[in-house]
């Protein structure tokens, strides 16, 4: 969703504008997902 991406850019700028020097990105590897059908089972994901 483009709205999600744009809102996080605003968040990053909000803190950078307040003098924040850097960011630690939580669970950075999990943002994008492929949820096209059919979805795999939990065992397949594991």
ModelCIF file with pLDDT and N, C-alpha, C, O atoms, coordinates in Angstrom:
data_MODEL
#
_entry.id   MODEL 
#
_entity.id                         1 
_entity.type                       polymer 
_entity.pdbx_number_of_molecules   1 
#
_entity_poly.entity_id                      1 
_entity_poly.type                           'polypeptide(L)' 
_entity_poly.nstd_linkage                   no 
_entity_poly.nstd_monomer                   no 
_entity_poly.pdbx_seq_one_letter_code       
;(UNK)(UNK)(UNK)(UNK)(UNK)(UNK)(UNK)(UNK)(UNK)(UNK)(UNK)(UNK)(UNK)(UNK)(UNK)(UNK)
(UNK)(UNK)(UNK)(UNK)(UNK)(UNK)(UNK)(UNK)(UNK)(UNK)(UNK)(UNK)(UNK)(UNK)(UNK)(UNK)
(UNK)(UNK)(UNK)(UNK)(UNK)(UNK)(UNK)(UNK)(UNK)(UNK)(UNK)(UNK)(UNK)(UNK)
;
_entity_poly.pdbx_seq_one_letter_code_can   XXXXXXXXXXXXXXXXXXXXXXXXXXXXXXXXXXXXXXXXXXXXXX 
_entity_poly.pdbx_strand_id                 A 
#
loop_
_entity_poly_seq.entity_id 
_entity_poly_seq.num 
_entity_poly_seq.mon_id 
_entity_poly_seq.hetero 
1 1  UNK n 
1 2  UNK n 
1 3  UNK n 
1 4  UNK n 
1 5  UNK n 
1 6  UNK n 
1 7  UNK n 
1 8  UNK n 
1 9  UNK n 
1 10 UNK n 
1 11 UNK n 
1 12 UNK n 
1 13 UNK n 
1 14 UNK n 
1 15 UNK n 
1 16 UNK n 
1 17 UNK n 
1 18 UNK n 
1 19 UNK n 
1 20 UNK n 
1 21 UNK n 
1 22 UNK n 
1 23 UNK n 
1 24 UNK n 
1 25 UNK n 
1 26 UNK n 
1 27 UNK n 
1 28 UNK n 
1 29 UNK n 
1 30 UNK n 
1 31 UNK n 
1 32 UNK n 
1 33 UNK n 
1 34 UNK n 
1 35 UNK n 
1 36 UNK n 
1 37 UNK n 
1 38 UNK n 
1 39 UNK n 
1 40 UNK n 
1 41 UNK n 
1 42 UNK n 
1 43 UNK n 
1 44 UNK n 
1 45 UNK n 
1 46 UNK n 
#
_struct_asym.id          A 
_struct_asym.entity_id   1 
#
loop_
_ma_qa_metric.id 
_ma_qa_metric.mode 
_ma_qa_metric.name 
_ma_qa_metric.software_group_id 
_ma_qa_metric.type 
1 global pLDDT . pLDDT 
2 local  pLDDT . pLDDT 
#
_ma_qa_metric_global.metric_id      1 
_ma_qa_metric_global.metric_value   96.96 
_ma_qa_metric_global.model_id       1 
_ma_qa_metric_global.ordinal_id     1 
#
loop_
_ma_qa_metric_local.label_asym_id 
_ma_qa_metric_local.label_comp_id 
_ma_qa_metric_local.label_seq_id 
_ma_qa_metric_local.metric_id 
_ma_qa_metric_local.metric_value 
_ma_qa_metric_local.model_id 
_ma_qa_metric_local.ordinal_id 
A UNK 1  2 98.00 1 1  
A UNK 2  2 98.00 1 2  
A UNK 3  2 98.00 1 3  
A UNK 4  2 98.00 1 4  
A UNK 5  2 98.00 1 5  
A UNK 6  2 98.00 1 6  
A UNK 7  2 98.00 1 7  
A UNK 8  2 98.00 1 8  
A UNK 9  2 98.00 1 9  
A UNK 10 2 98.00 1 10 
A UNK 11 2 98.00 1 11 
A UNK 12 2 98.00 1 12 
A UNK 13 2 98.00 1 13 
A UNK 14 2 98.00 1 14 
A UNK 15 2 98.00 1 15 
A UNK 16 2 98.00 1 16 
A UNK 17 2 98.00 1 17 
A UNK 18 2 97.00 1 18 
A UNK 19 2 97.00 1 19 
A UNK 20 2 98.00 1 20 
A UNK 21 2 98.00 1 21 
A UNK 22 2 98.00 1 22 
A UNK 23 2 98.00 1 23 
A UNK 24 2 98.00 1 24 
A UNK 25 2 98.00 1 25 
A UNK 26 2 98.00 1 26 
A UNK 27 2 97.00 1 27 
A UNK 28 2 98.00 1 28 
A UNK 29 2 98.00 1 29 
A UNK 30 2 98.00 1 30 
A UNK 31 2 98.00 1 31 
A UNK 32 2 98.00 1 32 
A UNK 33 2 98.00 1 33 
A UNK 34 2 97.00 1 34 
A UNK 35 2 97.00 1 35 
A UNK 36 2 96.00 1 36 
A UNK 37 2 94.00 1 37 
A UNK 38 2 95.00 1 38 
A UNK 39 2 95.00 1 39 
A UNK 40 2 95.00 1 40 
A UNK 41 2 95.00 1 41 
A UNK 42 2 96.00 1 42 
A UNK 43 2 95.00 1 43 
A UNK 44 2 93.00 1 44 
A UNK 45 2 92.00 1 45 
A UNK 46 2 89.00 1 46 
#
loop_
_atom_site.group_PDB 
_atom_site.id 
_atom_site.type_symbol 
_atom_site.label_atom_id 
_atom_site.label_alt_id 
_atom_site.label_comp_id 
_atom_site.label_asym_id 
_atom_site.label_entity_id 
_atom_site.label_seq_id 
_atom_site.pdbx_PDB_ins_code 
_atom_site.Cartn_x 
_atom_site.Cartn_y 
_atom_site.Cartn_z 
_atom_site.occupancy 
_atom_site.B_iso_or_equiv 
_atom_site.pdbx_formal_charge 
_atom_site.auth_seq_id 
_atom_site.auth_comp_id 
_atom_site.auth_asym_id 
_atom_site.auth_atom_id 
_atom_site.pdbx_PDB_model_num 
ATOM 1   N N  . UNK A 1 1  ? 0.843  -1.191  0.000  1.00 98.00 ? 1  UNK A N  1 
ATOM 2   C CA . UNK A 1 1  ? 0.000  0.000   0.000  1.00 98.00 ? 1  UNK A CA 1 
ATOM 3   C C  . UNK A 1 1  ? 0.883  1.248   0.000  1.00 98.00 ? 1  UNK A C  1 
ATOM 4   O O  . UNK A 1 1  ? 1.697  1.436   0.904  1.00 98.00 ? 1  UNK A O  1 
ATOM 5   N N  . UNK A 1 2  ? 0.723  2.095   -1.010 1.00 98.00 ? 2  UNK A N  1 
ATOM 6   C CA . UNK A 1 2  ? 1.521  3.316   -1.136 1.00 98.00 ? 2  UNK A CA 1 
ATOM 7   C C  . UNK A 1 2  ? 1.323  4.247   0.054  1.00 98.00 ? 2  UNK A C  1 
ATOM 8   O O  . UNK A 1 2  ? 2.246  4.956   0.455  1.00 98.00 ? 2  UNK A O  1 
ATOM 9   N N  . UNK A 1 3  ? 0.125  4.243   0.613  1.00 98.00 ? 3  UNK A N  1 
ATOM 10  C CA . UNK A 1 3  ? -0.147 5.131   1.747  1.00 98.00 ? 3  UNK A CA 1 
ATOM 11  C C  . UNK A 1 3  ? 0.723  4.747   2.943  1.00 98.00 ? 3  UNK A C  1 
ATOM 12  O O  . UNK A 1 3  ? 1.211  5.619   3.662  1.00 98.00 ? 3  UNK A O  1 
ATOM 13  N N  . UNK A 1 4  ? 0.917  3.453   3.154  1.00 98.00 ? 4  UNK A N  1 
ATOM 14  C CA . UNK A 1 4  ? 1.779  3.000   4.252  1.00 98.00 ? 4  UNK A CA 1 
ATOM 15  C C  . UNK A 1 4  ? 3.209  3.468   4.011  1.00 98.00 ? 4  UNK A C  1 
ATOM 16  O O  . UNK A 1 4  ? 3.857  3.976   4.925  1.00 98.00 ? 4  UNK A O  1 
ATOM 17  N N  . UNK A 1 5  ? 3.695  3.303   2.808  1.00 98.00 ? 5  UNK A N  1 
ATOM 18  C CA . UNK A 1 5  ? 5.074  3.697   2.497  1.00 98.00 ? 5  UNK A CA 1 
ATOM 19  C C  . UNK A 1 5  ? 5.281  5.197   2.692  1.00 98.00 ? 5  UNK A C  1 
ATOM 20  O O  . UNK A 1 5  ? 6.296  5.625   3.243  1.00 98.00 ? 5  UNK A O  1 
ATOM 21  N N  . UNK A 1 6  ? 4.325  5.981   2.243  1.00 98.00 ? 6  UNK A N  1 
ATOM 22  C CA . UNK A 1 6  ? 4.465  7.437   2.371  1.00 98.00 ? 6  UNK A CA 1 
ATOM 23  C C  . UNK A 1 6  ? 4.401  7.877   3.828  1.00 98.00 ? 6  UNK A C  1 
ATOM 24  O O  . UNK A 1 6  ? 5.105  8.804   4.230  1.00 98.00 ? 6  UNK A O  1 
ATOM 25  N N  . UNK A 1 7  ? 3.561  7.218   4.621  1.00 98.00 ? 7  UNK A N  1 
ATOM 26  C CA . UNK A 1 7  ? 3.425  7.625   6.011  1.00 98.00 ? 7  UNK A CA 1 
ATOM 27  C C  . UNK A 1 7  ? 4.714  7.335   6.786  1.00 98.00 ? 7  UNK A C  1 
ATOM 28  O O  . UNK A 1 7  ? 5.090  8.111   7.665  1.00 98.00 ? 7  UNK A O  1 
ATOM 29  N N  . UNK A 1 8  ? 5.384  6.242   6.474  1.00 98.00 ? 8  UNK A N  1 
ATOM 30  C CA . UNK A 1 8  ? 6.641  5.964   7.171  1.00 98.00 ? 8  UNK A CA 1 
ATOM 31  C C  . UNK A 1 8  ? 7.744  6.919   6.734  1.00 98.00 ? 8  UNK A C  1 
ATOM 32  O O  . UNK A 1 8  ? 8.623  7.243   7.532  1.00 98.00 ? 8  UNK A O  1 
ATOM 33  N N  . UNK A 1 9  ? 7.719  7.369   5.506  1.00 98.00 ? 9  UNK A N  1 
ATOM 34  C CA . UNK A 1 9  ? 8.670  8.402   5.097  1.00 98.00 ? 9  UNK A CA 1 
ATOM 35  C C  . UNK A 1 9  ? 8.440  9.676   5.906  1.00 98.00 ? 9  UNK A C  1 
ATOM 36  O O  . UNK A 1 9  ? 9.394  10.357  6.282  1.00 98.00 ? 9  UNK A O  1 
ATOM 37  N N  . UNK A 1 10 ? 7.178  9.994   6.172  1.00 98.00 ? 10 UNK A N  1 
ATOM 38  C CA . UNK A 1 10 ? 6.881  11.166  7.012  1.00 98.00 ? 10 UNK A CA 1 
ATOM 39  C C  . UNK A 1 10 ? 7.380  10.950  8.441  1.00 98.00 ? 10 UNK A C  1 
ATOM 40  O O  . UNK A 1 10 ? 7.892  11.875  9.071  1.00 98.00 ? 10 UNK A O  1 
ATOM 41  N N  . UNK A 1 11 ? 7.228  9.730   8.946  1.00 98.00 ? 11 UNK A N  1 
ATOM 42  C CA . UNK A 1 11 ? 7.706  9.435   10.305 1.00 98.00 ? 11 UNK A CA 1 
ATOM 43  C C  . UNK A 1 11 ? 9.222  9.575   10.397 1.00 98.00 ? 11 UNK A C  1 
ATOM 44  O O  . UNK A 1 11 ? 9.734  10.184  11.337 1.00 98.00 ? 11 UNK A O  1 
ATOM 45  N N  . UNK A 1 12 ? 9.933  9.021   9.440  1.00 98.00 ? 12 UNK A N  1 
ATOM 46  C CA . UNK A 1 12 ? 11.393 9.124   9.452  1.00 98.00 ? 12 UNK A CA 1 
ATOM 47  C C  . UNK A 1 12 ? 11.838 10.580  9.378  1.00 98.00 ? 12 UNK A C  1 
ATOM 48  O O  . UNK A 1 12 ? 12.766 10.981  10.080 1.00 98.00 ? 12 UNK A O  1 
ATOM 49  N N  . UNK A 1 13 ? 11.187 11.369  8.539  1.00 98.00 ? 13 UNK A N  1 
ATOM 50  C CA . UNK A 1 13 ? 11.529 12.790  8.423  1.00 98.00 ? 13 UNK A CA 1 
ATOM 51  C C  . UNK A 1 13 ? 11.190 13.537  9.712  1.00 98.00 ? 13 UNK A C  1 
ATOM 52  O O  . UNK A 1 13 ? 11.922 14.439  10.119 1.00 98.00 ? 13 UNK A O  1 
ATOM 53  N N  . UNK A 1 14 ? 10.088 13.166  10.349 1.00 98.00 ? 14 UNK A N  1 
ATOM 54  C CA . UNK A 1 14 ? 9.687  13.807  11.604 1.00 98.00 ? 14 UNK A CA 1 
ATOM 55  C C  . UNK A 1 14 ? 10.808 13.713  12.638 1.00 98.00 ? 14 UNK A C  1 
ATOM 56  O O  . UNK A 1 14 ? 11.136 14.706  13.287 1.00 98.00 ? 14 UNK A O  1 
ATOM 57  N N  . UNK A 1 15 ? 11.394 12.532  12.792 1.00 98.00 ? 15 UNK A N  1 
ATOM 58  C CA . UNK A 1 15 ? 12.439 12.358  13.799 1.00 98.00 ? 15 UNK A CA 1 
ATOM 59  C C  . UNK A 1 15 ? 13.776 12.891  13.314 1.00 98.00 ? 15 UNK A C  1 
ATOM 60  O O  . UNK A 1 15 ? 14.547 13.428  14.110 1.00 98.00 ? 15 UNK A O  1 
ATOM 61  N N  . UNK A 1 16 ? 14.066 12.756  12.029 1.00 98.00 ? 16 UNK A N  1 
ATOM 62  C CA . UNK A 1 16 ? 15.317 13.326  11.512 1.00 98.00 ? 16 UNK A CA 1 
ATOM 63  C C  . UNK A 1 16 ? 15.319 14.845  11.656 1.00 98.00 ? 16 UNK A C  1 
ATOM 64  O O  . UNK A 1 16 ? 16.350 15.444  11.959 1.00 98.00 ? 16 UNK A O  1 
ATOM 65  N N  . UNK A 1 17 ? 14.169 15.456  11.440 1.00 98.00 ? 17 UNK A N  1 
ATOM 66  C CA . UNK A 1 17 ? 14.068 16.911  11.596 1.00 98.00 ? 17 UNK A CA 1 
ATOM 67  C C  . UNK A 1 17 ? 14.247 17.346  13.046 1.00 98.00 ? 17 UNK A C  1 
ATOM 68  O O  . UNK A 1 17 ? 14.601 18.495  13.309 1.00 98.00 ? 17 UNK A O  1 
ATOM 69  N N  . UNK A 1 18 ? 14.005 16.434  13.991 1.00 97.00 ? 18 UNK A N  1 
ATOM 70  C CA . UNK A 1 18 ? 14.199 16.750  15.405 1.00 97.00 ? 18 UNK A CA 1 
ATOM 71  C C  . UNK A 1 18 ? 15.626 16.454  15.854 1.00 97.00 ? 18 UNK A C  1 
ATOM 72  O O  . UNK A 1 18 ? 15.931 16.544  17.043 1.00 97.00 ? 18 UNK A O  1 
ATOM 73  N N  . UNK A 1 19 ? 16.498 16.103  14.919 1.00 97.00 ? 19 UNK A N  1 
ATOM 74  C CA . UNK A 1 19 ? 17.900 15.908  15.250 1.00 97.00 ? 19 UNK A CA 1 
ATOM 75  C C  . UNK A 1 19 ? 18.331 14.472  15.433 1.00 97.00 ? 19 UNK A C  1 
ATOM 76  O O  . UNK A 1 19 ? 19.474 14.218  15.811 1.00 97.00 ? 19 UNK A O  1 
ATOM 77  N N  . UNK A 1 20 ? 17.437 13.515  15.173 1.00 98.00 ? 20 UNK A N  1 
ATOM 78  C CA . UNK A 1 20 ? 17.828 12.118  15.280 1.00 98.00 ? 20 UNK A CA 1 
ATOM 79  C C  . UNK A 1 20 ? 18.879 11.811  14.220 1.00 98.00 ? 20 UNK A C  1 
ATOM 80  O O  . UNK A 1 20 ? 18.726 12.184  13.057 1.00 98.00 ? 20 UNK A O  1 
ATOM 81  N N  . UNK A 1 21 ? 19.947 11.130  14.628 1.00 98.00 ? 21 UNK A N  1 
ATOM 82  C CA . UNK A 1 21 ? 21.075 10.859  13.732 1.00 98.00 ? 21 UNK A CA 1 
ATOM 83  C C  . UNK A 1 21 ? 20.959 9.533   12.995 1.00 98.00 ? 21 UNK A C  1 
ATOM 84  O O  . UNK A 1 21 ? 21.593 9.345   11.957 1.00 98.00 ? 21 UNK A O  1 
ATOM 85  N N  . UNK A 1 22 ? 20.156 8.610   13.519 1.00 98.00 ? 22 UNK A N  1 
ATOM 86  C CA . UNK A 1 22 ? 20.068 7.308   12.885 1.00 98.00 ? 22 UNK A CA 1 
ATOM 87  C C  . UNK A 1 22 ? 18.873 6.528   13.396 1.00 98.00 ? 22 UNK A C  1 
ATOM 88  O O  . UNK A 1 22 ? 18.198 6.931   14.343 1.00 98.00 ? 22 UNK A O  1 
ATOM 89  N N  . UNK A 1 23 ? 18.628 5.389   12.738 1.00 98.00 ? 23 UNK A N  1 
ATOM 90  C CA . UNK A 1 23 ? 17.454 4.573   13.031 1.00 98.00 ? 23 UNK A CA 1 
ATOM 91  C C  . UNK A 1 23 ? 17.849 3.105   13.093 1.00 98.00 ? 23 UNK A C  1 
ATOM 92  O O  . UNK A 1 23 ? 18.636 2.625   12.277 1.00 98.00 ? 23 UNK A O  1 
ATOM 93  N N  . UNK A 1 24 ? 17.297 2.405   14.066 1.00 98.00 ? 24 UNK A N  1 
ATOM 94  C CA . UNK A 1 24 ? 17.406 0.944   14.128 1.00 98.00 ? 24 UNK A CA 1 
ATOM 95  C C  . UNK A 1 24 ? 16.073 0.396   13.646 1.00 98.00 ? 24 UNK A C  1 
ATOM 96  O O  . UNK A 1 24 ? 15.026 0.742   14.194 1.00 98.00 ? 24 UNK A O  1 
ATOM 97  N N  . UNK A 1 25 ? 16.100 -0.460  12.622 1.00 98.00 ? 25 UNK A N  1 
ATOM 98  C CA . UNK A 1 25 ? 14.882 -0.909  11.968 1.00 98.00 ? 25 UNK A CA 1 
ATOM 99  C C  . UNK A 1 25 ? 14.511 -2.292  12.475 1.00 98.00 ? 25 UNK A C  1 
ATOM 100 O O  . UNK A 1 25 ? 15.210 -3.269  12.205 1.00 98.00 ? 25 UNK A O  1 
ATOM 101 N N  . UNK A 1 26 ? 13.421 -2.373  13.202 1.00 98.00 ? 26 UNK A N  1 
ATOM 102 C CA . UNK A 1 26 ? 12.956 -3.617  13.793 1.00 98.00 ? 26 UNK A CA 1 
ATOM 103 C C  . UNK A 1 26 ? 12.401 -4.557  12.715 1.00 98.00 ? 26 UNK A C  1 
ATOM 104 O O  . UNK A 1 26 ? 11.661 -4.125  11.831 1.00 98.00 ? 26 UNK A O  1 
ATOM 105 N N  . UNK A 1 27 ? 12.757 -5.823  12.793 1.00 97.00 ? 27 UNK A N  1 
ATOM 106 C CA . UNK A 1 27 ? 12.249 -6.865  11.890 1.00 97.00 ? 27 UNK A CA 1 
ATOM 107 C C  . UNK A 1 27 ? 12.297 -6.373  10.443 1.00 97.00 ? 27 UNK A C  1 
ATOM 108 O O  . UNK A 1 27 ? 11.306 -6.442  9.716  1.00 97.00 ? 27 UNK A O  1 
ATOM 109 N N  . UNK A 1 28 ? 13.447 -5.885  10.050 1.00 98.00 ? 28 UNK A N  1 
ATOM 110 C CA . UNK A 1 28 ? 13.581 -5.233  8.739  1.00 98.00 ? 28 UNK A CA 1 
ATOM 111 C C  . UNK A 1 28 ? 13.338 -6.173  7.571  1.00 98.00 ? 28 UNK A C  1 
ATOM 112 O O  . UNK A 1 28 ? 13.103 -5.715  6.453  1.00 98.00 ? 28 UNK A O  1 
ATOM 113 N N  . UNK A 1 29 ? 13.389 -7.472  7.806  1.00 98.00 ? 29 UNK A N  1 
ATOM 114 C CA . UNK A 1 29 ? 13.270 -8.450  6.731  1.00 98.00 ? 29 UNK A CA 1 
ATOM 115 C C  . UNK A 1 29 ? 11.836 -8.910  6.478  1.00 98.00 ? 29 UNK A C  1 
ATOM 116 O O  . UNK A 1 29 ? 11.609 -9.755  5.612  1.00 98.00 ? 29 UNK A O  1 
ATOM 117 N N  . UNK A 1 30 ? 10.854 -8.368  7.223  1.00 98.00 ? 30 UNK A N  1 
ATOM 118 C CA . UNK A 1 30 ? 9.513  -8.948  7.180  1.00 98.00 ? 30 UNK A CA 1 
ATOM 119 C C  . UNK A 1 30 ? 8.460  -8.052  6.545  1.00 98.00 ? 30 UNK A C  1 
ATOM 120 O O  . UNK A 1 30 ? 7.285  -8.418  6.527  1.00 98.00 ? 30 UNK A O  1 
ATOM 121 N N  . UNK A 1 31 ? 8.840  -6.891  6.024  1.00 98.00 ? 31 UNK A N  1 
ATOM 122 C CA . UNK A 1 31 ? 7.811  -5.933  5.606  1.00 98.00 ? 31 UNK A CA 1 
ATOM 123 C C  . UNK A 1 31 ? 6.994  -6.413  4.412  1.00 98.00 ? 31 UNK A C  1 
ATOM 124 O O  . UNK A 1 31 ? 5.765  -6.440  4.479  1.00 98.00 ? 31 UNK A O  1 
ATOM 125 N N  . UNK A 1 32 ? 7.647  -6.787  3.335  1.00 98.00 ? 32 UNK A N  1 
ATOM 126 C CA . UNK A 1 32 ? 6.919  -7.181  2.129  1.00 98.00 ? 32 UNK A CA 1 
ATOM 127 C C  . UNK A 1 32 ? 6.595  -8.674  2.188  1.00 98.00 ? 32 UNK A C  1 
ATOM 128 O O  . UNK A 1 32 ? 7.390  -9.481  2.669  1.00 98.00 ? 32 UNK A O  1 
ATOM 129 N N  . UNK A 1 33 ? 5.412  -9.019  1.690  1.00 98.00 ? 33 UNK A N  1 
ATOM 130 C CA . UNK A 1 33 ? 4.921  -10.389 1.771  1.00 98.00 ? 33 UNK A CA 1 
ATOM 131 C C  . UNK A 1 33 ? 4.209  -10.772 0.474  1.00 98.00 ? 33 UNK A C  1 
ATOM 132 O O  . UNK A 1 33 ? 3.617  -9.924  -0.194 1.00 98.00 ? 33 UNK A O  1 
ATOM 133 N N  . UNK A 1 34 ? 4.272  -12.033 0.133  1.00 97.00 ? 34 UNK A N  1 
ATOM 134 C CA . UNK A 1 34 ? 3.535  -12.560 -1.022 1.00 97.00 ? 34 UNK A CA 1 
ATOM 135 C C  . UNK A 1 34 ? 2.369  -13.375 -0.486 1.00 97.00 ? 34 UNK A C  1 
ATOM 136 O O  . UNK A 1 34 ? 2.554  -14.491 -0.002 1.00 97.00 ? 34 UNK A O  1 
ATOM 137 N N  . UNK A 1 35 ? 1.168  -12.815 -0.572 1.00 97.00 ? 35 UNK A N  1 
ATOM 138 C CA . UNK A 1 35 ? -0.019 -13.478 -0.037 1.00 97.00 ? 35 UNK A CA 1 
ATOM 139 C C  . UNK A 1 35 ? -0.978 -13.910 -1.141 1.00 97.00 ? 35 UNK A C  1 
ATOM 140 O O  . UNK A 1 35 ? -2.190 -13.988 -0.937 1.00 97.00 ? 35 UNK A O  1 
ATOM 141 N N  . UNK A 1 36 ? -0.417 -14.187 -2.302 1.00 96.00 ? 36 UNK A N  1 
ATOM 142 C CA . UNK A 1 36 ? -1.249 -14.703 -3.385 1.00 96.00 ? 36 UNK A CA 1 
ATOM 143 C C  . UNK A 1 36 ? -1.691 -16.125 -3.060 1.00 96.00 ? 36 UNK A C  1 
ATOM 144 O O  . UNK A 1 36 ? -0.964 -16.892 -2.428 1.00 96.00 ? 36 UNK A O  1 
ATOM 145 N N  . UNK A 1 37 ? -2.908 -16.461 -3.508 1.00 94.00 ? 37 UNK A N  1 
ATOM 146 C CA . UNK A 1 37 ? -3.452 -17.800 -3.280 1.00 94.00 ? 37 UNK A CA 1 
ATOM 147 C C  . UNK A 1 37 ? -2.834 -18.811 -4.259 1.00 94.00 ? 37 UNK A C  1 
ATOM 148 O O  . UNK A 1 37 ? -2.475 -18.440 -5.377 1.00 94.00 ? 37 UNK A O  1 
ATOM 149 N N  . UNK A 1 38 ? -2.708 -20.069 -3.858 1.00 95.00 ? 38 UNK A N  1 
ATOM 150 C CA . UNK A 1 38 ? -3.011 -20.612 -2.532 1.00 95.00 ? 38 UNK A CA 1 
ATOM 151 C C  . UNK A 1 38 ? -1.876 -20.320 -1.557 1.00 95.00 ? 38 UNK A C  1 
ATOM 152 O O  . UNK A 1 38 ? -0.705 -20.310 -1.936 1.00 95.00 ? 38 UNK A O  1 
ATOM 153 N N  . UNK A 1 39 ? -2.231 -20.084 -0.313 1.00 95.00 ? 39 UNK A N  1 
ATOM 154 C CA . UNK A 1 39 ? -1.238 -19.778 0.700  1.00 95.00 ? 39 UNK A CA 1 
ATOM 155 C C  . UNK A 1 39 ? -0.633 -21.071 1.254  1.00 95.00 ? 39 UNK A C  1 
ATOM 156 O O  . UNK A 1 39 ? -1.336 -22.070 1.408  1.00 95.00 ? 39 UNK A O  1 
ATOM 157 N N  . UNK A 1 40 ? 0.655  -21.051 1.548  1.00 95.00 ? 40 UNK A N  1 
ATOM 158 C CA . UNK A 1 40 ? 1.303  -22.262 2.061  1.00 95.00 ? 40 UNK A CA 1 
ATOM 159 C C  . UNK A 1 40 ? 0.871  -22.575 3.493  1.00 95.00 ? 40 UNK A C  1 
ATOM 160 O O  . UNK A 1 40 ? 0.308  -21.722 4.179  1.00 95.00 ? 40 UNK A O  1 
ATOM 161 N N  . UNK A 1 41 ? 1.133  -23.783 3.931  1.00 95.00 ? 41 UNK A N  1 
ATOM 162 C CA . UNK A 1 41 ? 0.861  -24.175 5.308  1.00 95.00 ? 41 UNK A CA 1 
ATOM 163 C C  . UNK A 1 41 ? 1.972  -23.666 6.225  1.00 95.00 ? 41 UNK A C  1 
ATOM 164 O O  . UNK A 1 41 ? 3.017  -23.201 5.769  1.00 95.00 ? 41 UNK A O  1 
ATOM 165 N N  . UNK A 1 42 ? 1.718  -23.764 7.512  1.00 96.00 ? 42 UNK A N  1 
ATOM 166 C CA . UNK A 1 42 ? 2.748  -23.371 8.472  1.00 96.00 ? 42 UNK A CA 1 
ATOM 167 C C  . UNK A 1 42 ? 3.989  -24.236 8.311  1.00 96.00 ? 42 UNK A C  1 
ATOM 168 O O  . UNK A 1 42 ? 5.110  -23.735 8.393  1.00 96.00 ? 42 UNK A O  1 
ATOM 169 N N  . UNK A 1 43 ? 3.800  -25.515 8.083  1.00 95.00 ? 43 UNK A N  1 
ATOM 170 C CA . UNK A 1 43 ? 4.947  -26.418 7.909  1.00 95.00 ? 43 UNK A CA 1 
ATOM 171 C C  . UNK A 1 43 ? 5.786  -26.005 6.710  1.00 95.00 ? 43 UNK A C  1 
ATOM 172 O O  . UNK A 1 43 ? 7.014  -26.056 6.760  1.00 95.00 ? 43 UNK A O  1 
ATOM 173 N N  . UNK A 1 44 ? 5.128  -25.598 5.636  1.00 93.00 ? 44 UNK A N  1 
ATOM 174 C CA . UNK A 1 44 ? 5.869  -25.163 4.449  1.00 93.00 ? 44 UNK A CA 1 
ATOM 175 C C  . UNK A 1 44 ? 6.639  -23.870 4.731  1.00 93.00 ? 44 UNK A C  1 
ATOM 176 O O  . UNK A 1 44 ? 7.759  -23.696 4.251  1.00 93.00 ? 44 UNK A O  1 
ATOM 177 N N  . UNK A 1 45 ? 6.042  -22.971 5.504  1.00 92.00 ? 45 UNK A N  1 
ATOM 178 C CA . UNK A 1 45 ? 6.743  -21.738 5.851  1.00 92.00 ? 45 UNK A CA 1 
ATOM 179 C C  . UNK A 1 45 ? 7.960  -22.005 6.723  1.00 92.00 ? 45 UNK A C  1 
ATOM 180 O O  . UNK A 1 45 ? 8.945  -21.269 6.665  1.00 92.00 ? 45 UNK A O  1 
ATOM 181 N N  . UNK A 1 46 ? 7.893  -23.054 7.529  1.00 89.00 ? 46 UNK A N  1 
ATOM 182 C CA . UNK A 1 46 ? 8.963  -23.355 8.457  1.00 89.00 ? 46 UNK A CA 1 
ATOM 183 C C  . UNK A 1 46 ? 10.163 -24.021 7.785  1.00 89.00 ? 46 UNK A C  1 
ATOM 184 O O  . UNK A 1 46 ? 11.149 -24.334 8.452  1.00 89.00 ? 46 UNK A O  1 
#
